Structures are given as C-alpha cells and as structure tokens.
C-alpha cells in the first residue's frame, strides 16, 4: 500500500524539484551580486578608498556569471545524455536518409 502511495507522489514532486532547481539559479545570481556588494562595502570601510566598492561589485558579477556557466554546462550534459537515448535516434536516422538522397 505504501509503495503505491510513493509511486503516485513521485511524478507530482518531480516538477516541483525541477522548478526549484531553475529558481535556485536566479536566486544564486542575486545572492552572488549582493555578497559581492557586501565585500565591496567591507573593503571600502576597511581601506577608506571609494573605488574598492567596485572590486566587490565585479567579484559578485563574476560569481553570478560563473553560476550561469555552471548551470549551462549542467543543462548541456543533460541534453547530451538525452540525445543518446534510442527513442530520440529517429532524428539521426532522418538526417542520414536526407544525406543519402
């Protein structure tokens, strides 16, 4: 009885997990930039030099870009794994047939 209940819940939970994963990218971008600004403010207060704030801002932006790049690579790997599945091999077969013509 419990196994059946778990099987019914699994499909409903999967989209929520995937949505949370996508949402986490947006949140991580914002958090990276805010943390960079915090580092910049800390540097500014420690040194008293105003331009050190921009060092923190650039660090935050670089971290956000790195997060985007990592998410892109993860999606690219998932796409490549999906392309290897036999049910998607029809596209390759169609491309091969067009080359023969």
C-alpha atoms as a PDB file:
ATOM      1  CA  UNK A   1       0.000   0.000   0.000  1.00  0.00           C
ATOM      2  CA  UNK A   2       2.801   2.431   0.907  1.00  0.00           C
ATOM      3  CA  UNK A   3       4.728   1.684  -2.303  1.00  0.00           C
ATOM      4  CA  UNK A   4       1.723   2.608  -4.399  1.00  0.00           C
ATOM      5  CA  UNK A   5       1.316   5.851  -2.500  1.00  0.00           C
ATOM      6  CA  UNK A   6       5.004   6.713  -3.010  1.00  0.00           C
ATOM      7  CA  UNK A   7       4.743   5.965  -6.732  1.00  0.00           C
ATOM      8  CA  UNK A   8       1.767   8.299  -7.041  1.00  0.00           C
ATOM      9  CA  UNK A   9       3.580  11.118  -5.260  1.00  0.00           C
ATOM     10  CA  UNK A  10       6.828  10.852  -7.217  1.00  0.00           C
ATOM     11  CA  UNK A  11       5.514  12.300 -10.516  1.00  0.00           C
ATOM     12  CA  UNK A  12       3.865  15.226  -8.727  1.00  0.00           C
ATOM     13  CA  UNK A  13       7.006  16.091  -6.781  1.00  0.00           C
ATOM     14  CA  UNK A  14       9.401  15.884  -9.744  1.00  0.00           C
ATOM     15  CA  UNK A  15       8.171  19.088 -11.483  1.00  0.00           C
ATOM     16  CA  UNK A  16       8.384  20.943  -8.179  1.00  0.00           C
ATOM     17  CA  UNK A  17      12.003  19.856  -7.740  1.00  0.00           C
ATOM     18  CA  UNK A  18      12.860  20.843 -11.318  1.00  0.00           C
ATOM     19  CA  UNK A  19      11.204  24.236 -10.842  1.00  0.00           C
ATOM     20  CA  UNK A  20      13.095  24.789  -7.591  1.00  0.00           C
ATOM     21  CA  UNK A  21      16.337  23.938  -9.379  1.00  0.00           C
ATOM     22  CA  UNK A  22      15.605  26.549 -12.041  1.00  0.00           C
ATOM     23  CA  UNK A  23      14.583  29.063  -9.402  1.00  0.00           C
ATOM     24  CA  UNK A  24      17.777  28.432  -7.486  1.00  0.00           C
ATOM     25  CA  UNK A  25      19.784  29.767 -10.447  1.00  0.00           C
ATOM     26  CA  UNK A  26      18.006  33.107 -10.239  1.00  0.00           C
ATOM     27  CA  UNK A  27      18.400  33.249  -6.503  1.00  0.00           C
ATOM     28  CA  UNK A  28      22.095  32.344  -6.710  1.00  0.00           C
ATOM     29  CA  UNK A  29      22.686  35.178  -9.187  1.00  0.00           C
ATOM     30  CA  UNK A  30      21.099  37.705  -6.852  1.00  0.00           C
ATOM     31  CA  UNK A  31      22.903  36.321  -3.798  1.00  0.00           C
ATOM     32  CA  UNK A  32      26.271  36.365  -5.594  1.00  0.00           C
ATOM     33  CA  UNK A  33      25.867  40.017  -6.564  1.00  0.00           C
ATOM     34  CA  UNK A  34      24.643  41.032  -3.102  1.00  0.00           C
ATOM     35  CA  UNK A  35      27.571  39.211  -1.489  1.00  0.00           C
ATOM     36  CA  UNK A  36      29.954  40.956  -3.883  1.00  0.00           C
ATOM     37  CA  UNK A  37      28.484  44.316  -2.938  1.00  0.00           C
ATOM     38  CA  UNK A  38      28.887  43.348   0.718  1.00  0.00           C
ATOM     39  CA  UNK A  39      32.540  42.501   0.106  1.00  0.00           C
ATOM     40  CA  UNK A  40      32.965  45.833  -1.658  1.00  0.00           C
ATOM     41  CA  UNK A  41      31.402  47.725   1.218  1.00  0.00           C
ATOM     42  CA  UNK A  42      33.624  45.858   3.653  1.00  0.00           C
ATOM     43  CA  UNK A  43      36.708  46.722   1.611  1.00  0.00           C
ATOM     44  CA  UNK A  44      35.586  50.341   1.409  1.00  0.00           C
ATOM     45  CA  UNK A  45      35.098  50.574   5.168  1.00  0.00           C
ATOM     46  CA  UNK A  46      38.446  48.867   5.859  1.00  0.00           C
ATOM     47  CA  UNK A  47      40.518  50.909   3.421  1.00  0.00           C
ATOM     48  CA  UNK A  48      38.534  54.152   3.209  1.00  0.00           C
ATOM     49  CA  UNK A  49      39.020  54.167  -0.558  1.00  0.00           C
ATOM     50  CA  UNK A  50      35.755  54.519  -2.501  1.00  0.00           C
ATOM     51  CA  UNK A  51      36.778  52.579  -5.613  1.00  0.00           C
ATOM     52  CA  UNK A  52      37.284  49.350  -3.638  1.00  0.00           C
ATOM     53  CA  UNK A  53      33.492  49.055  -3.578  1.00  0.00           C
ATOM     54  CA  UNK A  54      33.676  48.334  -7.317  1.00  0.00           C
ATOM     55  CA  UNK A  55      36.091  45.470  -6.712  1.00  0.00           C
ATOM     56  CA  UNK A  56      33.380  43.750  -4.689  1.00  0.00           C
ATOM     57  CA  UNK A  57      30.741  44.512  -7.305  1.00  0.00           C
ATOM     58  CA  UNK A  58      32.900  42.964 -10.024  1.00  0.00           C
ATOM     59  CA  UNK A  59      33.575  39.926  -7.829  1.00  0.00           C
ATOM     60  CA  UNK A  60      29.807  39.482  -7.363  1.00  0.00           C
ATOM     61  CA  UNK A  61      29.092  39.826 -11.076  1.00  0.00           C
ATOM     62  CA  UNK A  62      31.873  37.357 -11.896  1.00  0.00           C
ATOM     63  CA  UNK A  63      30.422  34.867  -9.416  1.00  0.00           C
ATOM     64  CA  UNK A  64      26.961  35.285 -10.977  1.00  0.00           C
ATOM     65  CA  UNK A  65      28.372  34.677 -14.463  1.00  0.00           C
ATOM     66  CA  UNK A  66      30.172  31.596 -13.155  1.00  0.00           C
ATOM     67  CA  UNK A  67      26.872  30.288 -11.738  1.00  0.00           C
ATOM     68  CA  UNK A  68      25.200  30.792 -15.111  1.00  0.00           C
ATOM     69  CA  UNK A  69      28.052  28.992 -16.865  1.00  0.00           C
ATOM     70  CA  UNK A  70      27.835  26.044 -14.470  1.00  0.00           C
ATOM     71  CA  UNK A  71      24.074  25.793 -14.992  1.00  0.00           C
ATOM     72  CA  UNK A  72      24.584  25.923 -18.760  1.00  0.00           C
ATOM     73  CA  UNK A  73      27.147  23.125 -18.650  1.00  0.00           C
ATOM     74  CA  UNK A  74      24.812  21.030 -16.488  1.00  0.00           C
ATOM     75  CA  UNK A  75      21.968  21.503 -18.973  1.00  0.00           C
ATOM     76  CA  UNK A  76      24.292  20.718 -21.883  1.00  0.00           C
ATOM     77  CA  UNK A  77      25.315  17.439 -20.224  1.00  0.00           C
ATOM     78  CA  UNK A  78      21.666  16.545 -19.640  1.00  0.00           C
ATOM     79  CA  UNK A  79      20.897  17.294 -23.300  1.00  0.00           C
ATOM     80  CA  UNK A  80      23.778  15.110 -24.482  1.00  0.00           C
ATOM     81  CA  UNK A  81      22.582  12.235 -22.278  1.00  0.00           C
ATOM     82  CA  UNK A  82      19.074  12.676 -23.646  1.00  0.00           C
ATOM     83  CA  UNK A  83      20.355  12.654 -27.228  1.00  0.00           C
ATOM     84  CA  UNK A  84      21.930   9.234 -26.626  1.00  0.00           C
ATOM     85  CA  UNK A  85      18.580   7.629 -25.800  1.00  0.00           C
ATOM     86  CA  UNK A  86      17.261   5.342 -28.540  1.00  0.00           C
ATOM     87  CA  UNK A  87      13.824   6.940 -28.677  1.00  0.00           C
ATOM     88  CA  UNK A  88      15.420  10.152 -29.928  1.00  0.00           C
ATOM     89  CA  UNK A  89      17.542   8.396 -32.532  1.00  0.00           C
ATOM     90  CA  UNK A  90      14.865   8.993 -35.191  1.00  0.00           C
ATOM     91  CA  UNK A  91      16.282  12.470 -35.842  1.00  0.00           C
ATOM     92  CA  UNK A  92      19.667  10.978 -36.659  1.00  0.00           C
ATOM     93  CA  UNK A  93      18.023   8.407 -38.935  1.00  0.00           C
ATOM     94  CA  UNK A  94      16.119  11.140 -40.776  1.00  0.00           C
ATOM     95  CA  UNK A  95      19.293  13.182 -41.192  1.00  0.00           C
ATOM     96  CA  UNK A  96      21.105  10.126 -42.578  1.00  0.00           C
ATOM     97  CA  UNK A  97      18.292   9.498 -45.075  1.00  0.00           C
ATOM     98  CA  UNK A  98      18.431  13.092 -46.289  1.00  0.00           C
ATOM     99  CA  UNK A  99      22.181  12.784 -46.841  1.00  0.00           C
ATOM    100  CA  UNK A 100      21.612   9.664 -48.967  1.00  0.00           C
ATOM    101  CA  UNK A 101      19.204  11.492 -51.281  1.00  0.00           C
END
